N, C-alpha and C. Protein backbone atom coordinates (compact mmCIF):
# COMPACT_ATOMS: atom_id res chain seq x y z
N MET A 1 -3.12 3.81 11.46
CA MET A 1 -2.54 3.40 10.47
C MET A 1 -1.10 2.77 10.75
N SER A 2 -0.81 1.07 10.22
CA SER A 2 -0.40 0.75 11.09
C SER A 2 1.24 0.72 10.19
N ILE A 3 2.67 0.61 10.45
CA ILE A 3 3.55 0.18 9.40
C ILE A 3 3.61 -0.93 8.98
N LYS A 4 2.35 -2.03 9.97
CA LYS A 4 2.88 -3.43 9.56
C LYS A 4 1.94 -3.54 7.80
N LEU A 5 1.45 -3.26 7.83
CA LEU A 5 0.91 -3.17 6.42
C LEU A 5 1.47 -2.93 5.79
N LEU A 6 2.56 -2.19 5.87
CA LEU A 6 3.93 -1.92 4.16
C LEU A 6 4.49 -2.42 4.84
N GLU A 7 4.84 -3.04 5.88
CA GLU A 7 5.63 -4.41 5.52
C GLU A 7 4.96 -5.37 5.06
N HIS A 8 3.53 -6.04 5.47
CA HIS A 8 3.22 -7.11 4.61
C HIS A 8 3.19 -6.84 3.18
N ILE A 9 2.47 -6.13 2.58
CA ILE A 9 2.97 -5.45 1.17
C ILE A 9 4.18 -6.06 0.76
N ARG A 10 5.20 -4.99 1.39
CA ARG A 10 6.35 -5.50 0.88
C ARG A 10 7.10 -6.77 1.01
N ASP A 11 6.89 -7.65 1.84
CA ASP A 11 6.75 -8.94 1.67
C ASP A 11 6.25 -9.39 0.86
N GLU A 12 5.63 -9.41 0.61
CA GLU A 12 4.25 -9.70 -0.76
C GLU A 12 4.80 -9.71 -2.12
N LEU A 13 5.49 -8.31 -2.16
CA LEU A 13 6.22 -8.21 -3.52
C LEU A 13 7.51 -8.44 -3.55
N ILE A 14 8.29 -8.34 -2.21
CA ILE A 14 10.00 -8.77 -2.09
C ILE A 14 9.77 -10.16 -2.52
N SER A 15 8.43 -10.97 -1.67
CA SER A 15 8.41 -12.94 -2.20
C SER A 15 8.12 -12.71 -3.57
N SER A 16 7.14 -12.14 -4.32
CA SER A 16 6.77 -12.42 -5.18
C SER A 16 7.61 -12.03 -7.00
N GLY A 17 8.94 -10.91 -6.42
CA GLY A 17 9.89 -10.87 -7.43
C GLY A 17 9.23 -8.98 -7.81
N ALA A 18 8.59 -8.42 -6.98
CA ALA A 18 8.16 -7.65 -7.77
C ALA A 18 8.84 -6.38 -7.39
N ALA A 19 9.90 -6.61 -6.25
CA ALA A 19 10.57 -5.91 -5.30
C ALA A 19 11.94 -6.45 -4.53
N ALA A 20 12.91 -6.12 -5.07
CA ALA A 20 14.33 -6.65 -4.48
C ALA A 20 14.12 -6.70 -2.97
N ASN A 21 14.22 -5.58 -2.59
CA ASN A 21 14.53 -5.71 -1.56
C ASN A 21 13.77 -4.86 -0.39
N THR A 22 13.58 -3.88 0.57
CA THR A 22 12.91 -2.86 1.42
C THR A 22 13.87 -1.15 0.65
N PRO A 23 14.81 -0.98 0.49
CA PRO A 23 14.66 0.28 0.00
C PRO A 23 14.02 0.73 -1.59
N GLU A 24 13.79 -0.25 -2.07
CA GLU A 24 13.43 -0.99 -3.96
C GLU A 24 12.19 -0.24 -3.30
N PHE A 25 11.97 -1.11 -2.84
CA PHE A 25 10.21 -0.86 -2.74
C PHE A 25 9.60 0.11 -2.10
N CYS A 26 10.28 1.06 -0.85
CA CYS A 26 9.86 2.33 -0.57
C CYS A 26 10.07 3.25 -1.60
N ARG A 27 11.12 3.34 -2.60
CA ARG A 27 11.10 4.11 -3.69
C ARG A 27 10.43 3.71 -4.65
N ALA A 28 10.20 2.77 -5.18
CA ALA A 28 9.09 2.18 -5.91
C ALA A 28 8.05 2.12 -6.49
N TRP A 29 7.59 1.37 -4.55
CA TRP A 29 6.10 1.57 -4.52
C TRP A 29 5.37 2.20 -3.74
N LEU A 30 6.06 3.11 -3.06
CA LEU A 30 5.87 4.15 -1.57
C LEU A 30 6.40 5.97 -2.33
N GLY A 31 7.00 5.69 -3.55
CA GLY A 31 6.89 7.24 -3.70
C GLY A 31 8.01 7.92 -2.53
N ARG A 32 8.43 7.35 -1.51
CA ARG A 32 9.20 7.65 -1.01
C ARG A 32 10.66 7.17 -0.73
N SER A 33 11.77 7.83 0.18
CA SER A 33 13.00 7.23 -0.30
C SER A 33 13.63 6.37 0.66
N GLU A 34 14.45 5.33 0.75
CA GLU A 34 14.19 3.98 0.44
C GLU A 34 14.72 3.98 2.16
N GLY A 35 14.48 4.92 2.74
CA GLY A 35 15.18 4.84 4.87
C GLY A 35 13.78 5.21 5.18
N TYR A 36 12.39 5.24 4.50
CA TYR A 36 10.86 5.42 5.17
C TYR A 36 10.53 4.72 5.47
N ILE A 37 10.07 3.06 5.68
CA ILE A 37 9.80 2.41 6.52
C ILE A 37 10.95 2.32 7.75
N ARG A 38 12.03 2.63 8.28
CA ARG A 38 13.40 2.73 8.43
C ARG A 38 12.69 3.84 9.23
N THR A 39 12.97 5.24 8.96
CA THR A 39 12.55 6.19 9.78
C THR A 39 10.60 6.26 9.93
N LEU A 40 9.73 5.63 9.85
CA LEU A 40 8.48 5.37 10.50
C LEU A 40 8.28 4.58 12.38
N ARG A 41 9.66 3.38 11.86
CA ARG A 41 9.65 3.00 13.22
C ARG A 41 10.58 3.51 13.98
N ASN A 42 11.50 4.29 13.69
CA ASN A 42 12.21 5.45 14.58
C ASN A 42 11.14 6.02 15.17
N HIS A 43 10.29 7.02 14.49
CA HIS A 43 9.36 7.58 14.92
C HIS A 43 8.10 7.28 15.41
N GLY A 44 8.15 5.76 15.59
CA GLY A 44 7.22 5.29 16.30
C GLY A 44 5.57 5.72 15.69
N THR A 45 5.24 6.21 14.01
CA THR A 45 3.68 6.64 13.37
C THR A 45 4.21 5.45 12.30
N GLY A 46 2.70 5.66 11.53
CA GLY A 46 2.36 5.30 10.11
C GLY A 46 2.69 5.65 9.27
N PRO A 47 2.42 5.31 8.24
CA PRO A 47 2.30 5.79 6.90
C PRO A 47 1.33 6.50 6.86
N SER A 48 1.55 7.41 6.18
CA SER A 48 0.80 8.35 5.77
C SER A 48 -0.61 8.30 4.71
N VAL A 49 -1.88 9.18 4.90
CA VAL A 49 -2.28 8.40 3.69
C VAL A 49 -1.69 8.88 2.14
N GLU A 50 -1.22 9.47 1.78
CA GLU A 50 -0.44 9.99 0.82
C GLU A 50 -0.18 8.60 0.41
N THR A 51 0.99 8.21 1.13
CA THR A 51 2.04 7.09 0.56
C THR A 51 1.03 6.36 0.45
N LEU A 52 -0.25 5.54 1.27
CA LEU A 52 -1.16 4.49 1.19
C LEU A 52 -1.92 4.69 0.01
N ALA A 53 -1.87 6.02 -0.60
CA ALA A 53 -2.61 6.27 -1.62
C ALA A 53 -2.04 5.73 -3.01
N ILE A 54 -0.68 6.32 -2.79
CA ILE A 54 0.66 6.47 -4.34
C ILE A 54 0.29 4.81 -4.90
N CYS A 55 0.43 3.85 -2.75
CA CYS A 55 1.02 2.44 -3.16
C CYS A 55 -0.26 1.98 -4.20
N ALA A 56 -1.63 2.51 -3.57
CA ALA A 56 -2.83 1.88 -3.83
C ALA A 56 -2.67 1.93 -5.58
N HIS A 57 -2.26 3.04 -5.52
CA HIS A 57 -2.63 3.62 -7.44
C HIS A 57 -1.62 2.56 -7.90
N LYS A 58 -0.61 2.41 -7.70
CA LYS A 58 0.11 1.74 -8.49
C LYS A 58 0.33 0.07 -8.53
N LEU A 59 -0.19 -0.35 -7.66
CA LEU A 59 -1.10 -1.68 -7.05
C LEU A 59 -1.93 -2.05 -7.89
N GLY A 60 -3.12 -0.79 -7.78
CA GLY A 60 -4.33 -0.60 -9.28
C GLY A 60 -4.17 -0.72 -11.01
N TYR A 61 -3.31 0.25 -10.96
CA TYR A 61 -2.43 0.06 -12.18
C TYR A 61 -1.52 -1.46 -12.77
N TYR A 62 -0.88 -1.50 -12.29
CA TYR A 62 -0.95 -3.59 -12.72
C TYR A 62 -1.54 -4.22 -12.68
N ALA A 63 -2.72 -4.07 -11.90
CA ALA A 63 -3.83 -4.83 -11.78
C ALA A 63 -4.35 -5.03 -12.89
N ASP A 64 -4.44 -4.17 -13.53
CA ASP A 64 -5.96 -3.89 -14.70
C ASP A 64 -5.08 -3.69 -16.20
N ARG A 65 -3.02 -3.58 -15.89
CA ARG A 65 -2.78 -3.53 -16.84
C ARG A 65 -2.70 -5.35 -17.31
N LEU A 66 -2.37 -6.20 -15.73
CA LEU A 66 -2.12 -7.42 -16.21
C LEU A 66 -4.00 -8.46 -16.75
N ARG A 67 -5.66 -7.45 -16.00
CA ARG A 67 -6.17 -7.94 -15.72
C ARG A 67 -7.19 -8.64 -17.18
N GLY A 68 -6.68 -8.62 -18.84
CA GLY A 68 -7.63 -8.76 -19.76
C GLY A 68 -6.80 -10.05 -20.42
N SER A 69 -5.81 -10.25 -19.60
CA SER A 69 -4.55 -11.57 -20.29
C SER A 69 -5.37 -12.77 -19.65
N GLU A 70 -4.94 -13.46 -20.34
CA GLU A 70 -5.44 -15.30 -20.83
C GLU A 70 -4.39 -15.80 -19.87
N ARG A 71 -2.91 -15.14 -19.49
CA ARG A 71 -1.82 -16.14 -19.29
C ARG A 71 -2.49 -16.79 -17.44
N ALA A 72 -2.24 -17.87 -16.60
CA ALA A 72 -2.43 -18.27 -15.46
C ALA A 72 -1.32 -17.31 -14.21
N ASP A 73 -0.30 -17.00 -14.81
CA ASP A 73 0.60 -16.08 -14.05
C ASP A 73 -0.10 -14.97 -13.97
N HIS A 74 -0.81 -14.32 -14.63
CA HIS A 74 -0.66 -12.62 -14.75
C HIS A 74 -2.35 -12.43 -14.23
N ARG A 75 -3.55 -13.97 -14.08
CA ARG A 75 -4.77 -13.88 -13.09
C ARG A 75 -4.36 -14.12 -11.80
N ALA A 76 -3.25 -14.78 -11.38
CA ALA A 76 -2.24 -14.63 -10.22
C ALA A 76 -2.07 -13.30 -10.20
N TRP A 77 -1.89 -12.72 -10.34
CA TRP A 77 -1.12 -11.48 -10.01
C TRP A 77 -2.48 -10.74 -10.10
N VAL A 78 -3.18 -10.62 -11.08
CA VAL A 78 -4.35 -9.94 -10.88
C VAL A 78 -4.40 -9.66 -9.36
N GLU A 79 -5.15 -11.14 -8.70
CA GLU A 79 -5.55 -11.24 -7.48
C GLU A 79 -4.60 -10.75 -6.15
N ARG A 80 -3.61 -10.89 -6.75
CA ARG A 80 -2.67 -10.66 -5.63
C ARG A 80 -2.61 -9.20 -5.41
N LEU A 81 -2.69 -8.42 -6.41
CA LEU A 81 -2.46 -6.77 -6.72
C LEU A 81 -4.16 -6.29 -6.48
N ASP A 82 -4.74 -7.05 -6.63
CA ASP A 82 -5.99 -6.63 -5.90
C ASP A 82 -6.33 -6.69 -3.98
N ARG A 83 -5.89 -7.71 -3.81
CA ARG A 83 -6.28 -8.03 -2.35
C ARG A 83 -5.16 -7.08 -2.18
N LEU A 84 -4.03 -6.68 -2.34
CA LEU A 84 -3.15 -5.76 -1.83
C LEU A 84 -3.31 -4.56 -1.86
N LYS A 85 -3.92 -4.12 -2.72
CA LYS A 85 -4.71 -2.58 -3.39
C LYS A 85 -5.80 -2.61 -2.17
N LEU A 86 -6.57 -3.55 -2.10
CA LEU A 86 -8.18 -3.40 -0.72
C LEU A 86 -7.34 -3.06 0.45
N LEU A 87 -6.13 -3.35 1.03
CA LEU A 87 -6.09 -3.47 2.40
C LEU A 87 -5.66 -1.71 2.13
N CYS A 88 -4.95 -1.48 1.22
CA CYS A 88 -4.08 0.07 1.11
C CYS A 88 -6.20 0.98 1.21
N ASP A 89 -6.66 0.22 0.31
CA ASP A 89 -7.45 1.70 0.02
C ASP A 89 -8.84 1.11 1.79
N THR A 90 -8.98 -0.49 2.63
CA THR A 90 -9.32 -0.11 3.23
C THR A 90 -8.34 0.95 4.44
N ALA A 91 -7.34 1.01 4.54
CA ALA A 91 -6.39 1.77 5.83
C ALA A 91 -6.61 3.47 5.81
N ILE A 92 -7.21 3.97 4.05
CA ILE A 92 -7.32 4.68 3.71
C ILE A 92 -8.76 4.95 4.34
N ALA A 93 -9.47 4.39 4.01
CA ALA A 93 -10.78 4.57 4.91
C ALA A 93 -11.15 4.85 5.68
N ARG A 94 -10.45 3.71 6.42
CA ARG A 94 -9.98 3.83 7.83
C ARG A 94 -10.03 4.71 8.67
N HIS A 95 -9.39 5.64 8.12
CA HIS A 95 -8.27 6.85 8.61
C HIS A 95 -9.08 7.83 8.15
N ALA A 96 -10.14 8.04 7.19
CA ALA A 96 -10.65 9.17 6.44
C ALA A 96 -12.31 9.42 7.15
N GLU A 97 -12.13 8.57 7.61
CA GLU A 97 -13.72 7.45 8.46
C GLU A 97 -12.98 8.73 10.13
N ALA A 98 -12.11 7.69 10.30
CA ALA A 98 -12.02 7.96 11.67
C ALA A 98 -11.45 10.16 12.11
N VAL A 99 -10.98 11.14 10.95
CA VAL A 99 -11.21 11.78 10.86
C VAL A 99 -12.60 13.02 11.23
N TRP A 100 -13.24 12.15 10.33
CA TRP A 100 -14.25 13.03 10.04
C TRP A 100 -16.08 12.85 11.34
N ARG A 101 -14.93 11.31 11.78
CA ARG A 101 -16.08 10.87 12.80
C ARG A 101 -15.47 11.46 14.17
N ALA A 102 -14.62 12.26 14.39
CA ALA A 102 -13.63 12.83 15.20
C ALA A 102 -14.94 14.01 15.93
N PRO A 103 -14.84 13.97 17.45
CA PRO A 103 -16.01 14.81 17.97
C PRO A 103 -16.39 16.44 17.77
N ASP A 104 -15.24 17.07 17.01
CA ASP A 104 -15.22 18.29 17.07
C ASP A 104 -15.75 18.46 15.53
N ARG A 105 -15.40 17.31 14.78
CA ARG A 105 -16.03 17.54 13.71
C ARG A 105 -17.66 17.04 13.24
N MET A 106 -18.38 17.12 14.34
CA MET A 106 -19.16 15.67 14.48
C MET A 106 -20.38 16.98 14.20
N SER A 107 -19.80 18.19 14.84
CA SER A 107 -21.31 19.33 15.07
C SER A 107 -21.59 20.09 13.95
N ALA A 108 -20.43 19.49 12.82
CA ALA A 108 -20.58 20.23 11.31
C ALA A 108 -21.80 20.42 10.65
């Protein structure tokens, strides 16, 4: 899983006003410390599945809260949040499949 996914979600949420900056995004949307993305970059690693799951859940939660609204701006938010959640869900699914398809696990 790539850090680029988190950076894309962060940029979308910052540009739309749902997060003020990277530290707030890391704390509020990922449930991590404010330096989480910086730490990933320094270690050359990607986000954990748990982090993506937390982010996906929160994106879905707010999309569901707005889903029944008739307001055009709320409908636009639902589309944006659903799209970002799908990106997280897809990354989680890819990781899960890579784990169960690993050669040492295929014999079970």
